[in-house]
Amino acid sequence: MPPALTKFVLSIANAFLSFLTLMLAEIHRPRAGAWFGLAFLTRYTGALFVLLILFQKNVKKIVKSLFISGLVVLPWLIFNYIVLGHPFASMADSYALDVVERGLTTPFKPQDLFLMTGLGIPFALLYVKEMDFDLTDALMIFTSLIIVSRQLTTKVKVRRYLYDLSLPIAFLAVKGLNLLENPERIFYIILGVYLIGVVLIRYRLVP
């Protein structure tokens, strides 16, 4: 992939994670719907994250959040209808070009999970095992499950969609790391192993 295109793809992924983070930060407020709408427009495959709005546990807030999301997305649908003749034309094009074709050219590999989450998964699971969660923990766990479910149920596996997993895994891994003795020392060991792994994968020293 050309460097300019790589930077563009990463900027889109970072924008999506930023909007998703803002949505989680304001999950108790109806304007969480606005952040979800922006996240959805940034990456259509983020539609599943609408389920996070259910954590508001209030029918009026949920309806209001969904309505606000609709208002955010509506101008883009109108633009699609006027320019392309169908409100969902860009979504269909995105799926055909960005998901199916990209999946054929860049198939999923096991090391992709390592690149996207580092060695965070074992420490995240260590924290989850404690079964002592606040709302933020529950949101992060639920977000992780959504991302994994999306990856497992999609026929075409696209490696870069695992990038979304980096946010919740990092959050939970830090909490899991803090349960151990000498967490700072362990962190630097993990960082060293991760960097070595990245170099090995980057220069194709591992299959």
N, C-alpha and C. Protein backbone atom coordinates (compact mmCIF):
# COMPACT_ATOMS: atom_id res chain seq x y z
N MET A 1 0.84 -1.19 0.00
CA MET A 1 0.00 0.00 0.00
C MET A 1 0.88 1.25 0.00
N PRO A 2 0.61 2.22 -0.88
CA PRO A 2 1.40 3.45 -0.92
C PRO A 2 1.37 4.17 0.42
N PRO A 3 2.48 4.84 0.81
CA PRO A 3 2.54 5.52 2.11
C PRO A 3 1.40 6.51 2.33
N ALA A 4 1.06 7.27 1.28
CA ALA A 4 -0.01 8.27 1.42
C ALA A 4 -1.34 7.60 1.72
N LEU A 5 -1.61 6.48 1.05
CA LEU A 5 -2.85 5.75 1.29
C LEU A 5 -2.86 5.13 2.68
N THR A 6 -1.71 4.64 3.11
CA THR A 6 -1.60 4.06 4.46
C THR A 6 -1.92 5.11 5.52
N LYS A 7 -1.38 6.31 5.35
CA LYS A 7 -1.65 7.39 6.30
C LYS A 7 -3.14 7.75 6.32
N PHE A 8 -3.76 7.74 5.13
CA PHE A 8 -5.18 8.07 5.04
C PHE A 8 -6.01 7.02 5.77
N VAL A 9 -5.70 5.75 5.53
CA VAL A 9 -6.43 4.66 6.17
C VAL A 9 -6.30 4.74 7.69
N LEU A 10 -5.07 5.00 8.17
CA LEU A 10 -4.85 5.12 9.61
C LEU A 10 -5.58 6.31 10.21
N SER A 11 -5.64 7.42 9.45
CA SER A 11 -6.35 8.60 9.95
C SER A 11 -7.84 8.32 10.08
N ILE A 12 -8.40 7.56 9.14
CA ILE A 12 -9.81 7.17 9.22
C ILE A 12 -10.04 6.28 10.44
N ALA A 13 -9.15 5.31 10.63
CA ALA A 13 -9.28 4.40 11.77
C ALA A 13 -9.18 5.16 13.09
N ASN A 14 -8.25 6.10 13.17
CA ASN A 14 -8.09 6.90 14.39
C ASN A 14 -9.30 7.79 14.63
N ALA A 15 -9.86 8.35 13.56
CA ALA A 15 -11.06 9.18 13.70
C ALA A 15 -12.22 8.34 14.22
N PHE A 16 -12.35 7.13 13.70
CA PHE A 16 -13.42 6.24 14.15
C PHE A 16 -13.27 5.94 15.64
N LEU A 17 -12.06 5.58 16.06
CA LEU A 17 -11.82 5.28 17.47
C LEU A 17 -12.06 6.50 18.35
N SER A 18 -11.72 7.68 17.84
CA SER A 18 -11.93 8.92 18.61
C SER A 18 -13.41 9.17 18.83
N PHE A 19 -14.21 9.03 17.78
CA PHE A 19 -15.66 9.23 17.91
C PHE A 19 -16.27 8.16 18.81
N LEU A 20 -15.78 6.92 18.69
CA LEU A 20 -16.29 5.85 19.53
C LEU A 20 -15.95 6.11 21.00
N THR A 21 -14.75 6.62 21.26
CA THR A 21 -14.35 6.96 22.63
C THR A 21 -15.24 8.06 23.20
N LEU A 22 -15.53 9.07 22.41
CA LEU A 22 -16.41 10.15 22.85
C LEU A 22 -17.82 9.63 23.12
N MET A 23 -18.25 8.70 22.29
CA MET A 23 -19.56 8.09 22.51
C MET A 23 -19.60 7.36 23.85
N LEU A 24 -18.55 6.59 24.14
CA LEU A 24 -18.49 5.86 25.40
C LEU A 24 -18.40 6.81 26.60
N ALA A 25 -17.68 7.92 26.41
CA ALA A 25 -17.51 8.89 27.50
C ALA A 25 -18.83 9.56 27.85
N GLU A 26 -19.72 9.70 26.89
CA GLU A 26 -20.99 10.39 27.12
C GLU A 26 -22.18 9.44 26.93
N ILE A 27 -21.97 8.19 27.25
CA ILE A 27 -22.99 7.19 26.99
C ILE A 27 -24.28 7.46 27.75
N HIS A 28 -24.21 8.20 28.86
CA HIS A 28 -25.42 8.49 29.64
C HIS A 28 -26.21 9.66 29.06
N ARG A 29 -25.67 10.33 28.05
CA ARG A 29 -26.33 11.50 27.48
C ARG A 29 -26.81 11.20 26.07
N PRO A 30 -27.93 11.80 25.68
CA PRO A 30 -28.44 11.59 24.32
C PRO A 30 -27.46 11.98 23.23
N ARG A 31 -26.56 12.94 23.51
CA ARG A 31 -25.63 13.35 22.46
C ARG A 31 -24.61 12.27 22.14
N ALA A 32 -24.61 11.17 22.90
CA ALA A 32 -23.80 10.02 22.52
C ALA A 32 -24.22 9.55 21.13
N GLY A 33 -25.49 9.80 20.80
CA GLY A 33 -25.98 9.45 19.47
C GLY A 33 -25.29 10.23 18.38
N ALA A 34 -24.93 11.48 18.66
CA ALA A 34 -24.22 12.30 17.67
C ALA A 34 -22.84 11.72 17.39
N TRP A 35 -22.16 11.30 18.46
CA TRP A 35 -20.83 10.71 18.28
C TRP A 35 -20.92 9.38 17.53
N PHE A 36 -21.98 8.62 17.82
CA PHE A 36 -22.15 7.37 17.07
C PHE A 36 -22.40 7.65 15.59
N GLY A 37 -23.22 8.66 15.31
CA GLY A 37 -23.49 9.02 13.92
C GLY A 37 -22.21 9.37 13.17
N LEU A 38 -21.34 10.14 13.82
CA LEU A 38 -20.06 10.52 13.19
C LEU A 38 -19.15 9.30 13.03
N ALA A 39 -19.15 8.41 14.04
CA ALA A 39 -18.34 7.18 13.93
C ALA A 39 -18.83 6.33 12.77
N PHE A 40 -20.15 6.23 12.64
CA PHE A 40 -20.73 5.44 11.55
C PHE A 40 -20.37 6.01 10.19
N LEU A 41 -20.42 7.33 10.06
CA LEU A 41 -20.06 7.96 8.79
C LEU A 41 -18.58 7.78 8.47
N THR A 42 -17.77 7.67 9.52
CA THR A 42 -16.34 7.45 9.31
C THR A 42 -16.06 6.04 8.84
N ARG A 43 -16.80 5.08 9.40
CA ARG A 43 -16.61 3.68 9.02
C ARG A 43 -17.96 2.97 9.12
N TYR A 44 -18.53 2.61 7.98
CA TYR A 44 -19.86 2.01 7.96
C TYR A 44 -19.94 0.70 8.74
N THR A 45 -18.84 -0.03 8.81
CA THR A 45 -18.85 -1.30 9.54
C THR A 45 -19.00 -1.09 11.05
N GLY A 46 -18.98 0.17 11.47
CA GLY A 46 -19.18 0.47 12.89
C GLY A 46 -20.64 0.48 13.29
N ALA A 47 -21.54 0.12 12.37
CA ALA A 47 -22.97 0.15 12.66
C ALA A 47 -23.34 -0.70 13.87
N LEU A 48 -22.63 -1.80 14.07
CA LEU A 48 -22.93 -2.69 15.20
C LEU A 48 -22.79 -2.00 16.55
N PHE A 49 -21.99 -0.95 16.60
CA PHE A 49 -21.76 -0.26 17.88
C PHE A 49 -22.98 0.52 18.36
N VAL A 50 -24.02 0.54 17.53
CA VAL A 50 -25.27 1.17 17.97
C VAL A 50 -25.81 0.44 19.20
N LEU A 51 -25.44 -0.83 19.36
CA LEU A 51 -25.89 -1.61 20.52
C LEU A 51 -25.41 -1.01 21.83
N LEU A 52 -24.32 -0.24 21.80
CA LEU A 52 -23.81 0.38 23.03
C LEU A 52 -24.81 1.37 23.61
N ILE A 53 -25.65 1.94 22.76
CA ILE A 53 -26.64 2.91 23.23
C ILE A 53 -27.61 2.26 24.21
N LEU A 54 -27.78 0.95 24.12
CA LEU A 54 -28.68 0.25 25.03
C LEU A 54 -28.23 0.36 26.48
N PHE A 55 -26.95 0.69 26.70
CA PHE A 55 -26.44 0.85 28.06
C PHE A 55 -27.04 2.08 28.75
N GLN A 56 -27.74 2.91 28.02
CA GLN A 56 -28.40 4.06 28.64
C GLN A 56 -29.54 3.62 29.55
N LYS A 57 -30.08 2.43 29.27
CA LYS A 57 -31.11 1.80 30.12
C LYS A 57 -32.32 2.71 30.36
N ASN A 58 -32.59 3.56 29.41
CA ASN A 58 -33.74 4.46 29.51
C ASN A 58 -34.32 4.62 28.10
N VAL A 59 -35.58 4.21 27.95
CA VAL A 59 -36.18 4.18 26.61
C VAL A 59 -36.17 5.55 25.96
N LYS A 60 -36.50 6.59 26.73
CA LYS A 60 -36.54 7.95 26.16
C LYS A 60 -35.15 8.39 25.70
N LYS A 61 -34.13 8.12 26.52
CA LYS A 61 -32.76 8.49 26.14
C LYS A 61 -32.31 7.71 24.90
N ILE A 62 -32.66 6.43 24.86
CA ILE A 62 -32.27 5.60 23.72
C ILE A 62 -32.90 6.12 22.43
N VAL A 63 -34.19 6.40 22.50
CA VAL A 63 -34.90 6.93 21.32
C VAL A 63 -34.32 8.27 20.89
N LYS A 64 -34.05 9.13 21.88
CA LYS A 64 -33.48 10.45 21.57
C LYS A 64 -32.09 10.31 20.94
N SER A 65 -31.28 9.40 21.48
CA SER A 65 -29.93 9.19 20.94
C SER A 65 -29.99 8.68 19.50
N LEU A 66 -30.90 7.74 19.25
CA LEU A 66 -31.04 7.20 17.89
C LEU A 66 -31.54 8.27 16.93
N PHE A 67 -32.43 9.13 17.42
CA PHE A 67 -32.95 10.22 16.60
C PHE A 67 -31.82 11.19 16.23
N ILE A 68 -30.99 11.52 17.22
CA ILE A 68 -29.86 12.42 16.97
C ILE A 68 -28.88 11.77 15.98
N SER A 69 -28.66 10.47 16.12
CA SER A 69 -27.80 9.75 15.17
C SER A 69 -28.35 9.87 13.76
N GLY A 70 -29.66 9.71 13.66
CA GLY A 70 -30.30 9.83 12.35
C GLY A 70 -30.13 11.21 11.75
N LEU A 71 -30.23 12.24 12.58
CA LEU A 71 -30.05 13.61 12.09
C LEU A 71 -28.63 13.85 11.59
N VAL A 72 -27.66 13.24 12.26
CA VAL A 72 -26.26 13.39 11.84
C VAL A 72 -26.01 12.71 10.50
N VAL A 73 -26.60 11.53 10.32
CA VAL A 73 -26.38 10.74 9.11
C VAL A 73 -27.22 11.24 7.93
N LEU A 74 -28.38 11.83 8.22
CA LEU A 74 -29.33 12.23 7.17
C LEU A 74 -28.73 13.08 6.05
N PRO A 75 -27.96 14.13 6.34
CA PRO A 75 -27.40 14.94 5.23
C PRO A 75 -26.58 14.12 4.24
N TRP A 76 -25.85 13.14 4.75
CA TRP A 76 -25.04 12.30 3.86
C TRP A 76 -25.93 11.41 2.99
N LEU A 77 -27.03 10.90 3.56
CA LEU A 77 -27.96 10.09 2.78
C LEU A 77 -28.62 10.92 1.69
N ILE A 78 -28.97 12.16 2.03
CA ILE A 78 -29.58 13.06 1.04
C ILE A 78 -28.58 13.36 -0.07
N PHE A 79 -27.34 13.62 0.30
CA PHE A 79 -26.29 13.88 -0.70
C PHE A 79 -26.13 12.68 -1.64
N ASN A 80 -26.12 11.48 -1.07
CA ASN A 80 -26.01 10.27 -1.89
C ASN A 80 -27.16 10.15 -2.88
N TYR A 81 -28.36 10.46 -2.40
CA TYR A 81 -29.55 10.35 -3.26
C TYR A 81 -29.49 11.35 -4.40
N ILE A 82 -29.06 12.57 -4.09
CA ILE A 82 -29.01 13.62 -5.12
C ILE A 82 -27.91 13.34 -6.14
N VAL A 83 -26.74 12.95 -5.66
CA VAL A 83 -25.58 12.78 -6.54
C VAL A 83 -25.53 11.40 -7.19
N LEU A 84 -25.83 10.36 -6.41
CA LEU A 84 -25.66 8.98 -6.89
C LEU A 84 -26.97 8.27 -7.20
N GLY A 85 -28.08 8.88 -6.83
CA GLY A 85 -29.38 8.30 -7.17
C GLY A 85 -29.94 7.33 -6.15
N HIS A 86 -29.19 7.06 -5.08
CA HIS A 86 -29.68 6.15 -4.04
C HIS A 86 -29.03 6.55 -2.72
N PRO A 87 -29.81 6.63 -1.64
CA PRO A 87 -29.25 7.09 -0.35
C PRO A 87 -28.15 6.19 0.21
N PHE A 88 -28.17 4.91 -0.17
CA PHE A 88 -27.18 3.98 0.38
C PHE A 88 -26.13 3.56 -0.65
N ALA A 89 -26.00 4.34 -1.72
CA ALA A 89 -25.06 3.99 -2.79
C ALA A 89 -23.62 3.93 -2.29
N SER A 90 -23.21 4.91 -1.49
CA SER A 90 -21.82 4.94 -1.02
C SER A 90 -21.52 3.77 -0.09
N MET A 91 -22.53 3.34 0.68
CA MET A 91 -22.33 2.20 1.57
C MET A 91 -22.12 0.92 0.77
N ALA A 92 -22.91 0.76 -0.30
CA ALA A 92 -22.76 -0.42 -1.15
C ALA A 92 -21.39 -0.42 -1.84
N ASP A 93 -20.98 0.75 -2.32
CA ASP A 93 -19.67 0.86 -2.97
C ASP A 93 -18.55 0.56 -1.98
N SER A 94 -18.69 1.08 -0.76
CA SER A 94 -17.67 0.87 0.26
C SER A 94 -17.52 -0.61 0.57
N TYR A 95 -18.64 -1.30 0.68
CA TYR A 95 -18.59 -2.73 0.99
C TYR A 95 -17.94 -3.50 -0.15
N ALA A 96 -18.34 -3.19 -1.38
CA ALA A 96 -17.82 -3.92 -2.54
C ALA A 96 -16.33 -3.69 -2.73
N LEU A 97 -15.91 -2.43 -2.61
CA LEU A 97 -14.52 -2.09 -2.90
C LEU A 97 -13.59 -2.26 -1.71
N ASP A 98 -14.10 -1.91 -0.54
CA ASP A 98 -13.22 -1.84 0.63
C ASP A 98 -13.20 -3.11 1.45
N VAL A 99 -14.29 -3.87 1.42
CA VAL A 99 -14.38 -5.08 2.22
C VAL A 99 -14.10 -6.32 1.39
N VAL A 100 -14.89 -6.54 0.34
CA VAL A 100 -14.74 -7.75 -0.46
C VAL A 100 -13.40 -7.78 -1.18
N GLU A 101 -13.10 -6.72 -1.94
CA GLU A 101 -11.85 -6.69 -2.71
C GLU A 101 -10.64 -6.67 -1.79
N ARG A 102 -10.70 -5.89 -0.70
CA ARG A 102 -9.57 -5.82 0.22
C ARG A 102 -9.36 -7.17 0.91
N GLY A 103 -10.46 -7.85 1.20
CA GLY A 103 -10.35 -9.16 1.83
C GLY A 103 -9.68 -10.18 0.93
N LEU A 104 -9.86 -10.04 -0.38
CA LEU A 104 -9.23 -10.96 -1.32
C LEU A 104 -7.74 -10.70 -1.46
N THR A 105 -7.35 -9.43 -1.33
CA THR A 105 -5.94 -9.07 -1.53
C THR A 105 -5.14 -9.08 -0.24
N THR A 106 -5.80 -8.86 0.89
CA THR A 106 -5.11 -8.87 2.18
C THR A 106 -5.85 -9.77 3.16
N PRO A 107 -5.78 -11.08 2.99
CA PRO A 107 -6.50 -12.01 3.85
C PRO A 107 -6.01 -11.95 5.29
N PHE A 108 -6.88 -12.34 6.20
CA PHE A 108 -6.56 -12.32 7.62
C PHE A 108 -5.50 -13.36 7.95
N LYS A 109 -4.57 -12.98 8.81
CA LYS A 109 -3.54 -13.89 9.29
C LYS A 109 -3.50 -13.82 10.81
N PRO A 110 -3.14 -14.91 11.50
CA PRO A 110 -3.11 -14.91 12.97
C PRO A 110 -2.24 -13.81 13.57
N GLN A 111 -1.13 -13.48 12.90
CA GLN A 111 -0.25 -12.45 13.45
C GLN A 111 -0.87 -11.06 13.42
N ASP A 112 -1.96 -10.90 12.64
CA ASP A 112 -2.64 -9.61 12.61
C ASP A 112 -3.20 -9.26 13.98
N LEU A 113 -3.69 -10.29 14.68
CA LEU A 113 -4.23 -10.07 16.03
C LEU A 113 -3.14 -9.58 16.96
N PHE A 114 -1.94 -10.11 16.81
CA PHE A 114 -0.79 -9.68 17.61
C PHE A 114 -0.44 -8.23 17.31
N LEU A 115 -0.44 -7.87 16.02
CA LEU A 115 -0.08 -6.51 15.63
C LEU A 115 -1.08 -5.49 16.16
N MET A 116 -2.36 -5.85 16.19
CA MET A 116 -3.40 -4.91 16.58
C MET A 116 -3.55 -4.77 18.09
N THR A 117 -3.25 -5.83 18.83
CA THR A 117 -3.49 -5.79 20.27
C THR A 117 -2.23 -6.02 21.10
N GLY A 118 -1.10 -6.26 20.43
CA GLY A 118 0.12 -6.53 21.17
C GLY A 118 -0.05 -7.79 22.00
N LEU A 119 0.42 -7.75 23.23
CA LEU A 119 0.23 -8.88 24.15
C LEU A 119 -0.82 -8.52 25.21
N GLY A 120 -1.73 -7.64 24.82
CA GLY A 120 -2.71 -7.14 25.78
C GLY A 120 -3.81 -8.11 26.13
N ILE A 121 -4.13 -9.04 25.23
CA ILE A 121 -5.26 -9.93 25.46
C ILE A 121 -5.13 -10.76 26.74
N PRO A 122 -3.99 -11.40 27.03
CA PRO A 122 -3.89 -12.18 28.28
C PRO A 122 -4.14 -11.33 29.53
N PHE A 123 -3.65 -10.09 29.54
CA PHE A 123 -3.83 -9.22 30.70
C PHE A 123 -5.26 -8.71 30.78
N ALA A 124 -5.88 -8.50 29.62
CA ALA A 124 -7.29 -8.12 29.60
C ALA A 124 -8.14 -9.25 30.17
N LEU A 125 -7.84 -10.48 29.78
CA LEU A 125 -8.57 -11.64 30.30
C LEU A 125 -8.32 -11.82 31.80
N LEU A 126 -7.11 -11.48 32.25
CA LEU A 126 -6.80 -11.56 33.68
C LEU A 126 -7.71 -10.64 34.47
N TYR A 127 -7.96 -9.44 33.93
CA TYR A 127 -8.84 -8.50 34.63
C TYR A 127 -10.29 -8.96 34.55
N VAL A 128 -10.69 -9.43 33.38
CA VAL A 128 -12.08 -9.89 33.19
C VAL A 128 -12.40 -11.02 34.16
N LYS A 129 -11.40 -11.86 34.44
CA LYS A 129 -11.59 -13.00 35.34
C LYS A 129 -11.98 -12.56 36.74
N GLU A 130 -11.60 -11.32 37.12
CA GLU A 130 -11.91 -10.82 38.46
C GLU A 130 -13.41 -10.60 38.67
N MET A 131 -14.14 -10.39 37.57
CA MET A 131 -15.60 -10.22 37.62
C MET A 131 -16.03 -9.10 38.57
N ASP A 132 -15.28 -8.02 38.58
CA ASP A 132 -15.62 -6.87 39.43
C ASP A 132 -15.58 -5.63 38.54
N PHE A 133 -16.70 -5.37 37.84
CA PHE A 133 -16.70 -4.35 36.80
C PHE A 133 -17.54 -3.14 37.17
N ASP A 134 -17.10 -1.98 36.68
CA ASP A 134 -17.97 -0.81 36.70
C ASP A 134 -18.55 -0.67 35.29
N LEU A 135 -19.31 0.39 35.06
CA LEU A 135 -19.98 0.56 33.76
C LEU A 135 -18.98 0.67 32.62
N THR A 136 -17.89 1.40 32.85
CA THR A 136 -16.88 1.56 31.80
C THR A 136 -16.27 0.22 31.41
N ASP A 137 -16.00 -0.61 32.42
CA ASP A 137 -15.47 -1.94 32.14
C ASP A 137 -16.45 -2.74 31.28
N ALA A 138 -17.72 -2.68 31.68
CA ALA A 138 -18.75 -3.43 30.94
C ALA A 138 -18.84 -2.95 29.50
N LEU A 139 -18.74 -1.64 29.30
CA LEU A 139 -18.79 -1.09 27.95
C LEU A 139 -17.61 -1.58 27.11
N MET A 140 -16.43 -1.60 27.71
CA MET A 140 -15.24 -2.05 26.99
C MET A 140 -15.32 -3.54 26.65
N ILE A 141 -15.81 -4.33 27.58
CA ILE A 141 -15.96 -5.76 27.33
C ILE A 141 -16.98 -6.00 26.23
N PHE A 142 -18.10 -5.28 26.31
CA PHE A 142 -19.15 -5.42 25.30
C PHE A 142 -18.65 -4.97 23.93
N THR A 143 -17.88 -3.88 23.92
CA THR A 143 -17.29 -3.40 22.66
C THR A 143 -16.37 -4.45 22.05
N SER A 144 -15.56 -5.08 22.89
CA SER A 144 -14.66 -6.14 22.41
C SER A 144 -15.45 -7.29 21.80
N LEU A 145 -16.53 -7.67 22.46
CA LEU A 145 -17.36 -8.77 21.97
C LEU A 145 -17.99 -8.43 20.63
N ILE A 146 -18.41 -7.17 20.47
CA ILE A 146 -18.98 -6.74 19.19
C ILE A 146 -17.96 -6.87 18.07
N ILE A 147 -16.74 -6.40 18.34
CA ILE A 147 -15.69 -6.43 17.31
C ILE A 147 -15.33 -7.86 16.94
N VAL A 148 -15.17 -8.72 17.95
CA VAL A 148 -14.83 -10.12 17.69
C VAL A 148 -15.96 -10.81 16.94
N SER A 149 -17.21 -10.55 17.35
CA SER A 149 -18.36 -11.16 16.67
C SER A 149 -18.42 -10.72 15.22
N ARG A 150 -18.16 -9.44 14.98
CA ARG A 150 -18.16 -8.93 13.60
C ARG A 150 -17.11 -9.65 12.76
N GLN A 151 -15.94 -9.85 13.34
CA GLN A 151 -14.86 -10.51 12.60
C GLN A 151 -15.18 -11.98 12.33
N LEU A 152 -15.80 -12.64 13.29
CA LEU A 152 -16.10 -14.07 13.14
C LEU A 152 -17.26 -14.33 12.19
N THR A 153 -18.24 -13.42 12.17
CA THR A 153 -19.44 -13.65 11.37
C THR A 153 -19.34 -13.10 9.95
N THR A 154 -18.33 -12.28 9.68
CA THR A 154 -18.15 -11.75 8.34
C THR A 154 -17.43 -12.78 7.48
N LYS A 155 -17.98 -13.06 6.31
CA LYS A 155 -17.39 -14.08 5.44
C LYS A 155 -15.98 -13.69 5.00
N VAL A 156 -15.80 -12.41 4.69
CA VAL A 156 -14.50 -11.93 4.23
C VAL A 156 -13.80 -11.25 5.40
N LYS A 157 -12.67 -11.77 5.85
CA LYS A 157 -11.95 -11.22 6.99
C LYS A 157 -10.99 -10.12 6.52
N VAL A 158 -11.14 -8.94 7.06
CA VAL A 158 -10.27 -7.82 6.70
C VAL A 158 -9.43 -7.48 7.92
N ARG A 159 -8.13 -7.55 7.80
CA ARG A 159 -7.25 -7.43 8.97
C ARG A 159 -7.37 -6.09 9.67
N ARG A 160 -7.54 -5.00 8.92
CA ARG A 160 -7.47 -3.69 9.57
C ARG A 160 -8.69 -3.40 10.43
N TYR A 161 -9.77 -4.19 10.28
CA TYR A 161 -10.93 -3.96 11.13
C TYR A 161 -10.70 -4.47 12.54
N LEU A 162 -9.61 -5.21 12.74
CA LEU A 162 -9.23 -5.60 14.10
C LEU A 162 -8.60 -4.43 14.85
N TYR A 163 -8.26 -3.37 14.11
CA TYR A 163 -7.66 -2.18 14.74
C TYR A 163 -8.60 -1.61 15.80
N ASP A 164 -9.90 -1.75 15.58
CA ASP A 164 -10.88 -1.25 16.54
C ASP A 164 -10.73 -1.92 17.90
N LEU A 165 -10.16 -3.12 17.90
CA LEU A 165 -10.02 -3.88 19.14
C LEU A 165 -8.93 -3.31 20.05
N SER A 166 -8.07 -2.49 19.50
CA SER A 166 -6.93 -1.97 20.27
C SER A 166 -7.38 -1.11 21.46
N LEU A 167 -8.45 -0.33 21.29
CA LEU A 167 -8.93 0.54 22.37
C LEU A 167 -9.43 -0.24 23.58
N PRO A 168 -10.45 -1.10 23.43
CA PRO A 168 -10.93 -1.81 24.62
C PRO A 168 -9.91 -2.77 25.22
N ILE A 169 -9.11 -3.43 24.38
CA ILE A 169 -8.11 -4.37 24.90
C ILE A 169 -7.05 -3.63 25.71
N ALA A 170 -6.60 -2.48 25.21
CA ALA A 170 -5.60 -1.69 25.93
C ALA A 170 -6.14 -1.24 27.28
N PHE A 171 -7.39 -0.79 27.31
CA PHE A 171 -8.03 -0.33 28.54
C PHE A 171 -8.08 -1.45 29.58
N LEU A 172 -8.57 -2.62 29.15
CA LEU A 172 -8.71 -3.74 30.07
C LEU A 172 -7.35 -4.33 30.45
N ALA A 173 -6.39 -4.31 29.51
CA ALA A 173 -5.06 -4.86 29.79
C ALA A 173 -4.34 -4.05 30.87
N VAL A 174 -4.49 -2.73 30.83
CA VAL A 174 -3.85 -1.88 31.84
C VAL A 174 -4.40 -2.22 33.22
N LYS A 175 -5.71 -2.44 33.31
CA LYS A 175 -6.30 -2.79 34.60
C LYS A 175 -5.82 -4.17 35.06
N GLY A 176 -5.69 -5.09 34.10
CA GLY A 176 -5.18 -6.41 34.44
C GLY A 176 -3.73 -6.36 34.88
N LEU A 177 -2.95 -5.52 34.22
CA LEU A 177 -1.53 -5.36 34.54
C LEU A 177 -1.35 -4.82 35.95
N ASN A 178 -2.25 -3.93 36.36
CA ASN A 178 -2.16 -3.32 37.69
C ASN A 178 -2.48 -4.31 38.81
N LEU A 179 -3.03 -5.46 38.45
CA LEU A 179 -3.30 -6.48 39.46
C LEU A 179 -2.04 -7.26 39.84
N LEU A 180 -1.00 -7.13 39.03
CA LEU A 180 0.24 -7.88 39.24
C LEU A 180 1.26 -7.08 40.03
N GLU A 181 2.25 -7.77 40.56
CA GLU A 181 3.37 -7.09 41.21
C GLU A 181 4.32 -6.56 40.13
N ASN A 182 4.94 -5.42 40.40
CA ASN A 182 5.88 -4.79 39.46
C ASN A 182 5.27 -4.60 38.07
N PRO A 183 4.09 -3.97 37.98
CA PRO A 183 3.44 -3.80 36.67
C PRO A 183 4.28 -3.01 35.67
N GLU A 184 5.05 -2.02 36.18
CA GLU A 184 5.85 -1.21 35.26
C GLU A 184 6.94 -2.05 34.59
N ARG A 185 7.58 -2.89 35.37
CA ARG A 185 8.63 -3.75 34.81
C ARG A 185 8.05 -4.71 33.78
N ILE A 186 6.91 -5.29 34.11
CA ILE A 186 6.25 -6.22 33.19
C ILE A 186 5.85 -5.50 31.91
N PHE A 187 5.40 -4.25 32.05
CA PHE A 187 5.00 -3.47 30.88
C PHE A 187 6.16 -3.31 29.91
N TYR A 188 7.33 -2.98 30.42
CA TYR A 188 8.48 -2.77 29.54
C TYR A 188 8.94 -4.08 28.89
N ILE A 189 8.79 -5.18 29.60
CA ILE A 189 9.11 -6.48 29.00
C ILE A 189 8.16 -6.78 27.85
N ILE A 190 6.87 -6.51 28.09
CA ILE A 190 5.86 -6.73 27.05
C ILE A 190 6.13 -5.83 25.85
N LEU A 191 6.45 -4.58 26.13
CA LEU A 191 6.74 -3.64 25.05
C LEU A 191 7.92 -4.12 24.20
N GLY A 192 8.96 -4.62 24.87
CA GLY A 192 10.13 -5.12 24.14
C GLY A 192 9.78 -6.32 23.27
N VAL A 193 9.01 -7.25 23.83
CA VAL A 193 8.59 -8.43 23.05
C VAL A 193 7.74 -8.02 21.86
N TYR A 194 6.85 -7.05 22.09
CA TYR A 194 5.98 -6.59 21.01
C TYR A 194 6.79 -5.95 19.88
N LEU A 195 7.73 -5.10 20.23
CA LEU A 195 8.55 -4.43 19.20
C LEU A 195 9.37 -5.43 18.40
N ILE A 196 9.91 -6.43 19.10
CA ILE A 196 10.66 -7.48 18.39
C ILE A 196 9.73 -8.24 17.44
N GLY A 197 8.53 -8.53 17.93
CA GLY A 197 7.56 -9.23 17.09
C GLY A 197 7.18 -8.43 15.86
N VAL A 198 6.99 -7.12 16.04
CA VAL A 198 6.65 -6.25 14.91
C VAL A 198 7.76 -6.26 13.86
N VAL A 199 9.00 -6.17 14.32
CA VAL A 199 10.14 -6.20 13.39
C VAL A 199 10.19 -7.52 12.63
N LEU A 200 9.99 -8.63 13.34
CA LEU A 200 10.03 -9.94 12.70
C LEU A 200 8.94 -10.08 11.64
N ILE A 201 7.74 -9.60 11.98
CA ILE A 201 6.63 -9.69 11.03
C ILE A 201 6.82 -8.72 9.88
N ARG A 202 7.28 -7.51 10.22
CA ARG A 202 7.46 -6.48 9.19
C ARG A 202 8.46 -6.91 8.13
N TYR A 203 9.53 -7.53 8.54
CA TYR A 203 10.56 -7.94 7.59
C TYR A 203 10.43 -9.41 7.20
N ARG A 204 9.21 -9.95 7.46
CA ARG A 204 8.85 -11.30 7.00
C ARG A 204 9.82 -12.37 7.50
N LEU A 205 10.25 -12.22 8.73
CA LEU A 205 11.13 -13.22 9.33
C LEU A 205 10.33 -14.34 9.99
N VAL A 206 9.00 -14.10 10.07
CA VAL A 206 8.11 -15.17 10.52
C VAL A 206 7.05 -15.34 9.46
N PRO A 207 6.46 -16.54 9.29
CA PRO A 207 5.47 -16.78 8.23
C PRO A 207 4.18 -16.02 8.49
